[in-house]
Amino acid sequence: MYVLDTNILIYYFDPKLDARVVETIENAIESIPVTSIITRMELLGWRLHTTQSRSQMKTLLEPMTEIGL
């Protein structure tokens, strides 16, 4: 089981990220990882989101199991 935090999920969208790191993150995402409510709030609450970037984050977070506080 993987627990993905805010930073990992933000880095995932960085186009300069090394392909090996992207592959590792994608493998974790495909395993339906766990994330926290805090991570969800941080990712979706970012004030500089565009409509597209917020939608991408929602799509990414949707299948993940969320743990509470």
C-alpha atoms as a PDB file:
ATOM      1  CA  MET A   1       0.000   0.000   0.000  1.00  0.00           C
ATOM      2  CA  TYR A   2       1.185   3.503  -0.837  1.00  0.00           C
ATOM      3  CA  VAL A   3       0.338   6.701   1.015  1.00  0.00           C
ATOM      4  CA  LEU A   4       0.744   9.668  -1.308  1.00  0.00           C
ATOM      5  CA  ASP A   5       1.172  13.119   0.160  1.00  0.00           C
ATOM      6  CA  THR A   6       0.659  16.572  -1.281  1.00  0.00           C
ATOM      7  CA  ASN A   7       4.223  17.083  -2.482  1.00  0.00           C
ATOM      8  CA  ILE A   8       4.404  13.800  -4.389  1.00  0.00           C
ATOM      9  CA  LEU A   9       1.145  14.560  -6.186  1.00  0.00           C
ATOM     10  CA  ILE A  10       2.238  18.106  -7.027  1.00  0.00           C
ATOM     11  CA  TYR A  11       5.590  16.869  -8.369  1.00  0.00           C
ATOM     12  CA  TYR A  12       3.742  14.359 -10.517  1.00  0.00           C
ATOM     13  CA  PHE A  13       2.417  17.246 -12.631  1.00  0.00           C
ATOM     14  CA  ASP A  14       5.853  18.859 -13.067  1.00  0.00           C
ATOM     15  CA  PRO A  15       6.839  18.412 -16.740  1.00  0.00           C
ATOM     16  CA  LYS A  16      10.547  18.490 -15.780  1.00  0.00           C
ATOM     17  CA  LEU A  17      10.236  15.460 -13.498  1.00  0.00           C
ATOM     18  CA  ASP A  18      12.534  12.562 -14.382  1.00  0.00           C
ATOM     19  CA  ALA A  19      10.734   9.798 -16.312  1.00  0.00           C
ATOM     20  CA  ARG A  20      11.774   7.155 -13.769  1.00  0.00           C
ATOM     21  CA  VAL A  21      10.168   9.149 -10.973  1.00  0.00           C
ATOM     22  CA  VAL A  22       7.000   9.617 -13.031  1.00  0.00           C
ATOM     23  CA  GLU A  23       6.891   5.873 -13.614  1.00  0.00           C
ATOM     24  CA  THR A  24       7.252   5.163  -9.904  1.00  0.00           C
ATOM     25  CA  ILE A  25       4.453   7.576  -9.030  1.00  0.00           C
ATOM     26  CA  GLU A  26       2.227   6.145 -11.767  1.00  0.00           C
ATOM     27  CA  ASN A  27       2.796   2.637 -10.420  1.00  0.00           C
ATOM     28  CA  ALA A  28       1.730   3.848  -6.982  1.00  0.00           C
ATOM     29  CA  ILE A  29      -1.343   5.585  -8.415  1.00  0.00           C
ATOM     30  CA  GLU A  30      -2.371   2.452 -10.313  1.00  0.00           C
ATOM     31  CA  SER A  31      -2.336   0.485  -7.062  1.00  0.00           C
ATOM     32  CA  ILE A  32      -5.143   2.743  -5.735  1.00  0.00           C
ATOM     33  CA  PRO A  33      -3.169   4.434  -2.967  1.00  0.00           C
ATOM     34  CA  VAL A  34      -4.269   6.067   0.247  1.00  0.00           C
ATOM     35  CA  THR A  35      -4.223   9.802   0.746  1.00  0.00           C
ATOM     36  CA  SER A  36      -5.331  11.995   3.625  1.00  0.00           C
ATOM     37  CA  ILE A  37      -8.103  14.535   3.882  1.00  0.00           C
ATOM     38  CA  ILE A  38      -5.357  17.125   4.490  1.00  0.00           C
ATOM     39  CA  THR A  39      -3.742  16.265   1.151  1.00  0.00           C
ATOM     40  CA  ARG A  40      -7.125  16.574  -0.575  1.00  0.00           C
ATOM     41  CA  MET A  41      -7.719  19.974   1.018  1.00  0.00           C
ATOM     42  CA  GLU A  42      -4.242  21.213   0.092  1.00  0.00           C
ATOM     43  CA  LEU A  43      -4.460  20.020  -3.514  1.00  0.00           C
ATOM     44  CA  LEU A  44      -7.968  21.236  -4.250  1.00  0.00           C
ATOM     45  CA  GLY A  45      -7.696  24.433  -2.209  1.00  0.00           C
ATOM     46  CA  TRP A  46      -4.702  25.862  -4.036  1.00  0.00           C
ATOM     47  CA  ARG A  47      -5.696  29.386  -5.046  1.00  0.00           C
ATOM     48  CA  LEU A  48      -3.807  29.411  -8.366  1.00  0.00           C
ATOM     49  CA  HIS A  49      -5.646  26.473  -9.937  1.00  0.00           C
ATOM     50  CA  THR A  50      -7.058  26.837 -13.396  1.00  0.00           C
ATOM     51  CA  THR A  51     -10.302  25.084 -14.215  1.00  0.00           C
ATOM     52  CA  GLN A  52      -8.266  22.433 -16.002  1.00  0.00           C
ATOM     53  CA  SER A  53      -5.708  21.875 -13.221  1.00  0.00           C
ATOM     54  CA  ARG A  54      -8.408  21.585 -10.538  1.00  0.00           C
ATOM     55  CA  SER A  55     -10.233  19.067 -12.715  1.00  0.00           C
ATOM     56  CA  GLN A  56      -7.020  17.058 -13.153  1.00  0.00           C
ATOM     57  CA  MET A  57      -6.508  16.960  -9.385  1.00  0.00           C
ATOM     58  CA  LYS A  58     -10.104  15.849  -8.782  1.00  0.00           C
ATOM     59  CA  THR A  59      -9.724  13.088 -11.366  1.00  0.00           C
ATOM     60  CA  LEU A  60      -6.451  11.980  -9.797  1.00  0.00           C
ATOM     61  CA  LEU A  61      -7.869  11.920  -6.262  1.00  0.00           C
ATOM     62  CA  GLU A  62     -11.222  10.323  -7.096  1.00  0.00           C
ATOM     63  CA  PRO A  63     -10.219   6.628  -6.992  1.00  0.00           C
ATOM     64  CA  MET A  64      -7.904   7.010  -3.975  1.00  0.00           C
ATOM     65  CA  THR A  65      -8.884   5.799  -0.560  1.00  0.00           C
ATOM     66  CA  GLU A  66      -9.042   8.749   1.785  1.00  0.00           C
ATOM     67  CA  ILE A  67      -8.111   8.555   5.449  1.00  0.00           C
ATOM     68  CA  GLY A  68      -9.444  11.075   7.922  1.00  0.00           C
ATOM     69  CA  LEU A  69      -7.748  12.870  10.726  1.00  0.00           C
END
